[in-house]
Amino acid sequence: MTHVTHRRASSLSTNLHLSSDTSQVHLKYAMWLEDEGRFKEAEAEFLKADKPKEAIDMYVHQQDWAAALHIAEGFDPASIGDITMAQVREESSVSVRGLGRCGYAHG
């Protein structure tokens, strides 16, 4: 979906007073932007679609903990614990994998 197509679809939905359709347009555009690696733009579209959890999940998947926490603090405080736990799990698994590469001899 091109930016022009998105604007036209969004404008059409707005003109027809179809707020749920507008949210769907923002959501689909956000998912496309995410697939394209345009995460900051995708975040804005997820928020316009009233889907902060989707933006949080996107950043958790990218291991961008600061961005995920920033959105959670502003839009979904209940997610803060989940983000923190995901970060701890990831950092723990990296540490364990790193130990295996150091060549420690077992007993």
C-alpha atoms as a PDB file:
ATOM      1  CA  MET A   1       0.000   0.000   0.000  1.00  0.00           C
ATOM      2  CA  THR A   2       1.567   3.287  -1.033  1.00  0.00           C
ATOM      3  CA  HIS A   3       1.437   6.406   1.099  1.00  0.00           C
ATOM      4  CA  VAL A   4      -0.877   8.058  -1.446  1.00  0.00           C
ATOM      5  CA  THR A   5      -3.209   5.051  -1.432  1.00  0.00           C
ATOM      6  CA  HIS A   6      -3.241   5.070   2.363  1.00  0.00           C
ATOM      7  CA  ARG A   7      -4.110   8.786   2.452  1.00  0.00           C
ATOM      8  CA  ARG A   8      -6.910   8.321  -0.057  1.00  0.00           C
ATOM      9  CA  ALA A   9      -8.368   5.338   1.820  1.00  0.00           C
ATOM     10  CA  SER A  10      -8.065   7.138   5.130  1.00  0.00           C
ATOM     11  CA  SER A  11      -9.666  10.276   3.695  1.00  0.00           C
ATOM     12  CA  LEU A  12     -12.520   8.259   2.195  1.00  0.00           C
ATOM     13  CA  SER A  13     -13.189   6.500   5.486  1.00  0.00           C
ATOM     14  CA  THR A  14     -13.106   9.793   7.357  1.00  0.00           C
ATOM     15  CA  ASN A  15     -15.456  11.445   4.882  1.00  0.00           C
ATOM     16  CA  LEU A  16     -17.914   8.582   5.256  1.00  0.00           C
ATOM     17  CA  HIS A  17     -17.665   8.731   9.056  1.00  0.00           C
ATOM     18  CA  LEU A  18     -16.461   5.169   9.266  1.00  0.00           C
ATOM     19  CA  SER A  19     -14.195   5.377  12.273  1.00  0.00           C
ATOM     20  CA  SER A  20     -13.846   1.619  12.620  1.00  0.00           C
ATOM     21  CA  ASP A  21     -12.897   1.410   8.947  1.00  0.00           C
ATOM     22  CA  THR A  22     -10.368   4.195   9.490  1.00  0.00           C
ATOM     23  CA  SER A  23      -8.854   2.198  12.329  1.00  0.00           C
ATOM     24  CA  GLN A  24      -8.604  -0.810  10.037  1.00  0.00           C
ATOM     25  CA  VAL A  25      -6.840   1.295   7.396  1.00  0.00           C
ATOM     26  CA  HIS A  26      -4.333   2.518   9.981  1.00  0.00           C
ATOM     27  CA  LEU A  27      -3.829  -1.024  11.280  1.00  0.00           C
ATOM     28  CA  LYS A  28      -3.231  -2.540   7.854  1.00  0.00           C
ATOM     29  CA  TYR A  29      -0.886   0.297   6.911  1.00  0.00           C
ATOM     30  CA  ALA A  30       0.993  -0.157  10.209  1.00  0.00           C
ATOM     31  CA  MET A  31       1.473  -3.855   9.504  1.00  0.00           C
ATOM     32  CA  TRP A  32       2.783  -3.053   6.026  1.00  0.00           C
ATOM     33  CA  LEU A  33       5.184  -0.470   7.441  1.00  0.00           C
ATOM     34  CA  GLU A  34       6.384  -2.988  10.016  1.00  0.00           C
ATOM     35  CA  ASP A  35       7.035  -5.549   7.270  1.00  0.00           C
ATOM     36  CA  GLU A  36       9.043  -2.884   5.440  1.00  0.00           C
ATOM     37  CA  GLY A  37      11.158  -2.209   8.536  1.00  0.00           C
ATOM     38  CA  ARG A  38       9.752   1.301   8.984  1.00  0.00           C
ATOM     39  CA  PHE A  39       9.132   0.850  12.694  1.00  0.00           C
ATOM     40  CA  LYS A  40       8.721   4.461  13.830  1.00  0.00           C
ATOM     41  CA  GLU A  41       6.103   5.057  11.136  1.00  0.00           C
ATOM     42  CA  ALA A  42       4.414   1.752  11.976  1.00  0.00           C
ATOM     43  CA  GLU A  43       4.269   2.799  15.619  1.00  0.00           C
ATOM     44  CA  ALA A  44       2.416   5.995  14.709  1.00  0.00           C
ATOM     45  CA  GLU A  45      -0.101   4.043  12.624  1.00  0.00           C
ATOM     46  CA  PHE A  46      -0.652   1.417  15.344  1.00  0.00           C
ATOM     47  CA  LEU A  47      -1.409   4.235  17.781  1.00  0.00           C
ATOM     48  CA  LYS A  48      -3.804   5.888  15.309  1.00  0.00           C
ATOM     49  CA  ALA A  49      -5.559   2.515  15.057  1.00  0.00           C
ATOM     50  CA  ASP A  50      -5.794   2.449  18.868  1.00  0.00           C
ATOM     51  CA  LYS A  51      -3.584  -0.656  18.947  1.00  0.00           C
ATOM     52  CA  PRO A  52      -0.694   0.242  21.278  1.00  0.00           C
ATOM     53  CA  LYS A  53      -0.185  -3.431  22.162  1.00  0.00           C
ATOM     54  CA  GLU A  54       0.643  -4.157  18.512  1.00  0.00           C
ATOM     55  CA  ALA A  55       3.321  -1.444  18.571  1.00  0.00           C
ATOM     56  CA  ILE A  56       4.697  -2.826  21.834  1.00  0.00           C
ATOM     57  CA  ASP A  57       4.826  -6.349  20.393  1.00  0.00           C
ATOM     58  CA  MET A  58       6.602  -5.041  17.296  1.00  0.00           C
ATOM     59  CA  TYR A  59       9.318  -3.441  19.402  1.00  0.00           C
ATOM     60  CA  VAL A  60       9.638  -6.465  21.697  1.00  0.00           C
ATOM     61  CA  HIS A  61      10.135  -8.616  18.601  1.00  0.00           C
ATOM     62  CA  GLN A  62      12.870  -6.190  17.500  1.00  0.00           C
ATOM     63  CA  GLN A  63      14.302  -6.235  21.042  1.00  0.00           C
ATOM     64  CA  ASP A  64      13.959  -2.447  21.175  1.00  0.00           C
ATOM     65  CA  TRP A  65      13.155  -2.448  24.861  1.00  0.00           C
ATOM     66  CA  ALA A  66      13.291   1.335  25.315  1.00  0.00           C
ATOM     67  CA  ALA A  67      10.739   1.941  22.549  1.00  0.00           C
ATOM     68  CA  ALA A  68       8.449  -0.806  23.864  1.00  0.00           C
ATOM     69  CA  LEU A  69       8.597   0.621  27.388  1.00  0.00           C
ATOM     70  CA  HIS A  70       7.982   4.163  26.136  1.00  0.00           C
ATOM     71  CA  ILE A  71       4.731   3.109  24.455  1.00  0.00           C
ATOM     72  CA  ALA A  72       3.680   0.963  27.417  1.00  0.00           C
ATOM     73  CA  GLU A  73       4.221   3.833  29.841  1.00  0.00           C
ATOM     74  CA  GLY A  74       2.008   6.103  27.779  1.00  0.00           C
ATOM     75  CA  PHE A  75      -0.652   3.749  26.486  1.00  0.00           C
ATOM     76  CA  ASP A  76      -0.597   0.329  28.189  1.00  0.00           C
ATOM     77  CA  PRO A  77       1.064   0.346  31.631  1.00  0.00           C
ATOM     78  CA  ALA A  78      -0.056  -3.249  32.236  1.00  0.00           C
ATOM     79  CA  SER A  79       2.458  -4.360  29.576  1.00  0.00           C
ATOM     80  CA  ILE A  80       5.503  -2.997  31.411  1.00  0.00           C
ATOM     81  CA  GLY A  81       6.044  -6.211  33.393  1.00  0.00           C
ATOM     82  CA  ASP A  82       5.764  -8.367  30.274  1.00  0.00           C
ATOM     83  CA  ILE A  83       8.325  -6.226  28.450  1.00  0.00           C
ATOM     84  CA  THR A  84      10.732  -6.359  31.372  1.00  0.00           C
ATOM     85  CA  MET A  85      10.395 -10.136  31.618  1.00  0.00           C
ATOM     86  CA  ALA A  86      10.976 -10.549  27.867  1.00  0.00           C
ATOM     87  CA  GLN A  87      14.106  -8.436  28.146  1.00  0.00           C
ATOM     88  CA  VAL A  88      15.409 -10.455  31.102  1.00  0.00           C
ATOM     89  CA  ARG A  89      14.713 -13.739  29.279  1.00  0.00           C
ATOM     90  CA  GLU A  90      16.505 -12.529  26.161  1.00  0.00           C
ATOM     91  CA  GLU A  91      19.513 -11.224  28.068  1.00  0.00           C
ATOM     92  CA  SER A  92      19.703 -14.457  30.081  1.00  0.00           C
ATOM     93  CA  SER A  93      19.623 -16.620  26.966  1.00  0.00           C
ATOM     94  CA  VAL A  94      22.352 -14.490  25.362  1.00  0.00           C
ATOM     95  CA  SER A  95      24.508 -14.948  28.478  1.00  0.00           C
ATOM     96  CA  VAL A  96      23.984 -18.708  28.502  1.00  0.00           C
ATOM     97  CA  ARG A  97      24.756 -19.001  24.780  1.00  0.00           C
ATOM     98  CA  GLY A  98      27.892 -16.926  25.357  1.00  0.00           C
ATOM     99  CA  LEU A  99      29.138 -19.340  28.022  1.00  0.00           C
ATOM    100  CA  GLY A 100      28.882 -22.228  25.592  1.00  0.00           C
ATOM    101  CA  ARG A 101      31.208 -20.471  23.156  1.00  0.00           C
ATOM    102  CA  CYS A 102      33.929 -19.852  25.735  1.00  0.00           C
ATOM    103  CA  GLY A 103      35.073 -23.463  25.618  1.00  0.00           C
ATOM    104  CA  TYR A 104      34.649 -24.364  29.274  1.00  0.00           C
ATOM    105  CA  ALA A 105      35.601 -27.978  29.874  1.00  0.00           C
ATOM    106  CA  HIS A 106      33.107 -30.138  31.705  1.00  0.00           C
ATOM    107  CA  GLY A 107      34.426 -32.335  34.384  1.00  0.00           C
END
